[in-house]
Amino acid sequence: MTDQAAAVLSAMSAQAPEVFAATVRTLTVVADAHERGTVPPGASPTDQWGDVYDLDVPGHPVLVEWFTGDPDEVTVTRITWLRTGG
């Protein structure tokens, strides 16, 4: 996990526990799919080589991006949290 992704998760855990929990569940789905050599349903490739994907966190304004180019490990490269309100 990149420093950026870790920082967003840290902020979420303090400010929005429900969003944090949903994001962790999505990360688990991503990791499980990677172990099977696939990507989760709904994932979209985001680069020209087809080894970076993103996926919305169901029901929350969060986008998770990860690198699949290493068959032994999945790397969460970015988490975008589109917070709303004040």
N, C-alpha and C. Protein backbone atom coordinates (compact mmCIF):
# COMPACT_ATOMS: atom_id res chain seq x y z
N MET A 1 0.85 -1.17 0.00
CA MET A 1 0.00 0.00 0.00
C MET A 1 0.89 1.24 0.00
N THR A 2 0.54 2.18 -0.83
CA THR A 2 1.32 3.42 -0.88
C THR A 2 1.04 4.28 0.35
N ASP A 3 1.92 5.24 0.59
CA ASP A 3 1.72 6.18 1.70
C ASP A 3 0.42 6.95 1.53
N GLN A 4 0.09 7.32 0.30
CA GLN A 4 -1.15 8.06 0.04
C GLN A 4 -2.36 7.24 0.47
N ALA A 5 -2.41 5.98 0.04
CA ALA A 5 -3.54 5.12 0.37
C ALA A 5 -3.64 4.93 1.89
N ALA A 6 -2.52 4.72 2.53
CA ALA A 6 -2.51 4.54 3.99
C ALA A 6 -2.99 5.79 4.70
N ALA A 7 -2.59 6.96 4.23
CA ALA A 7 -3.02 8.22 4.85
C ALA A 7 -4.52 8.42 4.73
N VAL A 8 -5.08 8.09 3.57
CA VAL A 8 -6.53 8.23 3.38
C VAL A 8 -7.26 7.26 4.30
N LEU A 9 -6.80 6.02 4.39
CA LEU A 9 -7.43 5.07 5.30
C LEU A 9 -7.36 5.54 6.74
N SER A 10 -6.24 6.10 7.13
CA SER A 10 -6.10 6.61 8.49
C SER A 10 -7.10 7.72 8.78
N ALA A 11 -7.22 8.65 7.85
CA ALA A 11 -8.18 9.75 8.01
C ALA A 11 -9.61 9.21 8.07
N MET A 12 -9.92 8.24 7.22
CA MET A 12 -11.26 7.64 7.21
C MET A 12 -11.57 6.98 8.55
N SER A 13 -10.60 6.25 9.08
CA SER A 13 -10.87 5.53 10.32
C SER A 13 -11.23 6.48 11.45
N ALA A 14 -10.64 7.66 11.44
CA ALA A 14 -10.91 8.65 12.48
C ALA A 14 -12.19 9.44 12.22
N GLN A 15 -12.45 9.73 10.94
CA GLN A 15 -13.54 10.66 10.61
C GLN A 15 -14.82 9.98 10.14
N ALA A 16 -14.72 8.78 9.58
CA ALA A 16 -15.90 8.13 9.00
C ALA A 16 -15.74 6.61 9.11
N PRO A 17 -15.96 6.07 10.31
CA PRO A 17 -15.76 4.64 10.52
C PRO A 17 -16.55 3.74 9.57
N GLU A 18 -17.76 4.14 9.20
CA GLU A 18 -18.58 3.33 8.29
C GLU A 18 -17.94 3.27 6.90
N VAL A 19 -17.44 4.41 6.42
CA VAL A 19 -16.77 4.45 5.12
C VAL A 19 -15.47 3.64 5.19
N PHE A 20 -14.75 3.76 6.29
CA PHE A 20 -13.52 2.99 6.48
C PHE A 20 -13.81 1.50 6.40
N ALA A 21 -14.84 1.03 7.11
CA ALA A 21 -15.17 -0.39 7.12
C ALA A 21 -15.55 -0.88 5.72
N ALA A 22 -16.31 -0.09 4.99
CA ALA A 22 -16.69 -0.47 3.62
C ALA A 22 -15.47 -0.52 2.71
N THR A 23 -14.55 0.39 2.91
CA THR A 23 -13.33 0.41 2.09
C THR A 23 -12.46 -0.81 2.40
N VAL A 24 -12.34 -1.17 3.66
CA VAL A 24 -11.57 -2.36 4.03
C VAL A 24 -12.21 -3.61 3.43
N ARG A 25 -13.54 -3.69 3.43
CA ARG A 25 -14.21 -4.83 2.80
C ARG A 25 -13.88 -4.89 1.31
N THR A 26 -13.86 -3.74 0.65
CA THR A 26 -13.53 -3.69 -0.77
C THR A 26 -12.08 -4.11 -1.00
N LEU A 27 -11.18 -3.68 -0.14
CA LEU A 27 -9.78 -4.09 -0.26
C LEU A 27 -9.64 -5.60 -0.12
N THR A 28 -10.43 -6.19 0.76
CA THR A 28 -10.42 -7.64 0.93
C THR A 28 -10.90 -8.34 -0.33
N VAL A 29 -11.93 -7.81 -0.96
CA VAL A 29 -12.44 -8.37 -2.22
C VAL A 29 -11.36 -8.30 -3.30
N VAL A 30 -10.66 -7.17 -3.37
CA VAL A 30 -9.58 -7.00 -4.35
C VAL A 30 -8.47 -8.03 -4.10
N ALA A 31 -8.05 -8.16 -2.85
CA ALA A 31 -6.97 -9.10 -2.51
C ALA A 31 -7.38 -10.54 -2.81
N ASP A 32 -8.61 -10.90 -2.45
CA ASP A 32 -9.09 -12.26 -2.71
C ASP A 32 -9.12 -12.55 -4.20
N ALA A 33 -9.59 -11.61 -4.99
CA ALA A 33 -9.64 -11.80 -6.45
C ALA A 33 -8.22 -11.94 -7.00
N HIS A 34 -7.31 -11.12 -6.50
CA HIS A 34 -5.92 -11.19 -6.99
C HIS A 34 -5.31 -12.56 -6.70
N GLU A 35 -5.61 -13.12 -5.55
CA GLU A 35 -5.10 -14.45 -5.21
C GLU A 35 -5.62 -15.51 -6.18
N ARG A 36 -6.82 -15.29 -6.73
CA ARG A 36 -7.38 -16.21 -7.71
C ARG A 36 -6.95 -15.88 -9.14
N GLY A 37 -6.17 -14.81 -9.30
CA GLY A 37 -5.71 -14.42 -10.63
C GLY A 37 -6.74 -13.66 -11.45
N THR A 38 -7.69 -13.04 -10.78
CA THR A 38 -8.74 -12.28 -11.46
C THR A 38 -8.83 -10.88 -10.85
N VAL A 39 -9.81 -10.14 -11.31
CA VAL A 39 -10.16 -8.86 -10.70
C VAL A 39 -11.64 -8.94 -10.32
N PRO A 40 -12.07 -8.16 -9.33
CA PRO A 40 -13.47 -8.22 -8.91
C PRO A 40 -14.41 -7.71 -10.01
N PRO A 41 -15.64 -8.19 -10.00
CA PRO A 41 -16.64 -7.65 -10.93
C PRO A 41 -16.76 -6.14 -10.75
N GLY A 42 -16.85 -5.42 -11.85
CA GLY A 42 -16.99 -3.97 -11.81
C GLY A 42 -15.68 -3.21 -11.86
N ALA A 43 -14.56 -3.92 -11.75
CA ALA A 43 -13.25 -3.25 -11.81
C ALA A 43 -12.99 -2.78 -13.24
N SER A 44 -12.34 -1.63 -13.35
CA SER A 44 -12.02 -1.06 -14.66
C SER A 44 -10.52 -0.87 -14.79
N PRO A 45 -9.96 -1.27 -15.96
CA PRO A 45 -8.53 -0.99 -16.17
C PRO A 45 -8.32 0.51 -16.35
N THR A 46 -7.23 1.03 -15.78
CA THR A 46 -6.99 2.47 -15.86
C THR A 46 -5.70 2.83 -16.58
N ASP A 47 -4.99 1.83 -17.09
CA ASP A 47 -3.76 2.13 -17.82
C ASP A 47 -3.72 1.34 -19.12
N GLN A 48 -2.80 1.69 -19.99
CA GLN A 48 -2.74 1.06 -21.30
C GLN A 48 -2.21 -0.36 -21.26
N TRP A 49 -1.57 -0.76 -20.18
CA TRP A 49 -1.00 -2.11 -20.08
C TRP A 49 -1.96 -3.10 -19.44
N GLY A 50 -3.03 -2.60 -18.83
CA GLY A 50 -4.00 -3.49 -18.22
C GLY A 50 -3.58 -4.08 -16.89
N ASP A 51 -2.71 -3.39 -16.17
CA ASP A 51 -2.33 -3.93 -14.86
C ASP A 51 -2.61 -2.97 -13.71
N VAL A 52 -3.32 -1.90 -13.97
CA VAL A 52 -3.81 -1.01 -12.92
C VAL A 52 -5.33 -0.94 -13.08
N TYR A 53 -6.03 -1.19 -11.99
CA TYR A 53 -7.50 -1.20 -12.02
C TYR A 53 -8.04 -0.28 -10.95
N ASP A 54 -9.31 0.10 -11.10
CA ASP A 54 -9.98 0.80 -10.01
C ASP A 54 -11.37 0.22 -9.83
N LEU A 55 -11.93 0.48 -8.65
CA LEU A 55 -13.22 -0.06 -8.27
C LEU A 55 -13.85 0.88 -7.26
N ASP A 56 -15.14 1.17 -7.47
CA ASP A 56 -15.89 1.98 -6.50
C ASP A 56 -16.19 1.16 -5.26
N VAL A 57 -16.17 1.81 -4.11
CA VAL A 57 -16.61 1.17 -2.87
C VAL A 57 -18.13 1.28 -2.85
N PRO A 58 -18.83 0.15 -2.85
CA PRO A 58 -20.30 0.19 -2.93
C PRO A 58 -20.94 1.07 -1.86
N GLY A 59 -21.77 2.01 -2.30
CA GLY A 59 -22.52 2.85 -1.40
C GLY A 59 -21.76 4.02 -0.79
N HIS A 60 -20.51 4.22 -1.20
CA HIS A 60 -19.71 5.29 -0.61
C HIS A 60 -18.92 6.02 -1.70
N PRO A 61 -18.61 7.29 -1.47
CA PRO A 61 -17.87 8.06 -2.49
C PRO A 61 -16.36 7.81 -2.43
N VAL A 62 -15.97 6.55 -2.65
CA VAL A 62 -14.57 6.16 -2.55
C VAL A 62 -14.21 5.33 -3.78
N LEU A 63 -13.02 5.59 -4.31
CA LEU A 63 -12.49 4.83 -5.43
C LEU A 63 -11.15 4.24 -5.01
N VAL A 64 -10.99 2.92 -5.17
CA VAL A 64 -9.77 2.22 -4.83
C VAL A 64 -9.05 1.87 -6.14
N GLU A 65 -7.75 2.15 -6.20
CA GLU A 65 -6.94 1.82 -7.37
C GLU A 65 -5.81 0.90 -6.94
N TRP A 66 -5.50 -0.12 -7.76
CA TRP A 66 -4.44 -1.05 -7.41
C TRP A 66 -3.69 -1.55 -8.63
N PHE A 67 -2.48 -2.04 -8.36
CA PHE A 67 -1.57 -2.56 -9.39
C PHE A 67 -1.57 -4.08 -9.32
N THR A 68 -1.77 -4.74 -10.46
CA THR A 68 -1.86 -6.19 -10.50
C THR A 68 -0.68 -6.84 -11.22
N GLY A 69 0.32 -6.06 -11.61
CA GLY A 69 1.41 -6.57 -12.43
C GLY A 69 2.29 -7.60 -11.75
N ASP A 70 2.26 -7.69 -10.44
CA ASP A 70 3.04 -8.68 -9.71
C ASP A 70 2.10 -9.83 -9.33
N PRO A 71 2.32 -11.03 -9.85
CA PRO A 71 1.40 -12.13 -9.56
C PRO A 71 1.40 -12.55 -8.09
N ASP A 72 2.43 -12.19 -7.36
CA ASP A 72 2.53 -12.61 -5.96
C ASP A 72 1.96 -11.61 -4.96
N GLU A 73 1.71 -10.39 -5.40
CA GLU A 73 1.27 -9.37 -4.45
C GLU A 73 0.47 -8.30 -5.17
N VAL A 74 -0.56 -7.82 -4.49
CA VAL A 74 -1.36 -6.72 -5.01
C VAL A 74 -0.95 -5.46 -4.25
N THR A 75 -0.82 -4.34 -4.97
CA THR A 75 -0.42 -3.08 -4.35
C THR A 75 -1.53 -2.05 -4.53
N VAL A 76 -2.08 -1.59 -3.42
CA VAL A 76 -3.06 -0.50 -3.48
C VAL A 76 -2.27 0.77 -3.73
N THR A 77 -2.53 1.40 -4.88
CA THR A 77 -1.74 2.56 -5.28
C THR A 77 -2.39 3.88 -4.87
N ARG A 78 -3.72 3.88 -4.82
CA ARG A 78 -4.39 5.15 -4.49
C ARG A 78 -5.79 4.86 -3.97
N ILE A 79 -6.21 5.64 -3.00
CA ILE A 79 -7.60 5.63 -2.54
C ILE A 79 -8.07 7.07 -2.62
N THR A 80 -9.13 7.27 -3.37
CA THR A 80 -9.72 8.60 -3.51
C THR A 80 -11.02 8.64 -2.74
N TRP A 81 -11.09 9.55 -1.78
CA TRP A 81 -12.28 9.70 -0.94
C TRP A 81 -12.90 11.05 -1.28
N LEU A 82 -14.05 11.01 -1.89
CA LEU A 82 -14.74 12.24 -2.31
C LEU A 82 -15.71 12.64 -1.20
N ARG A 83 -15.14 13.26 -0.19
CA ARG A 83 -15.98 13.68 0.95
C ARG A 83 -16.93 14.76 0.52
N THR A 84 -18.13 14.70 1.06
CA THR A 84 -19.15 15.70 0.76
C THR A 84 -19.52 16.42 2.03
N GLY A 85 -20.05 17.59 1.87
CA GLY A 85 -20.48 18.35 3.03
C GLY A 85 -19.35 19.09 3.70
N GLY A 86 -19.66 19.73 4.82
CA GLY A 86 -18.72 20.59 5.43
C GLY A 86 -17.93 20.09 6.52
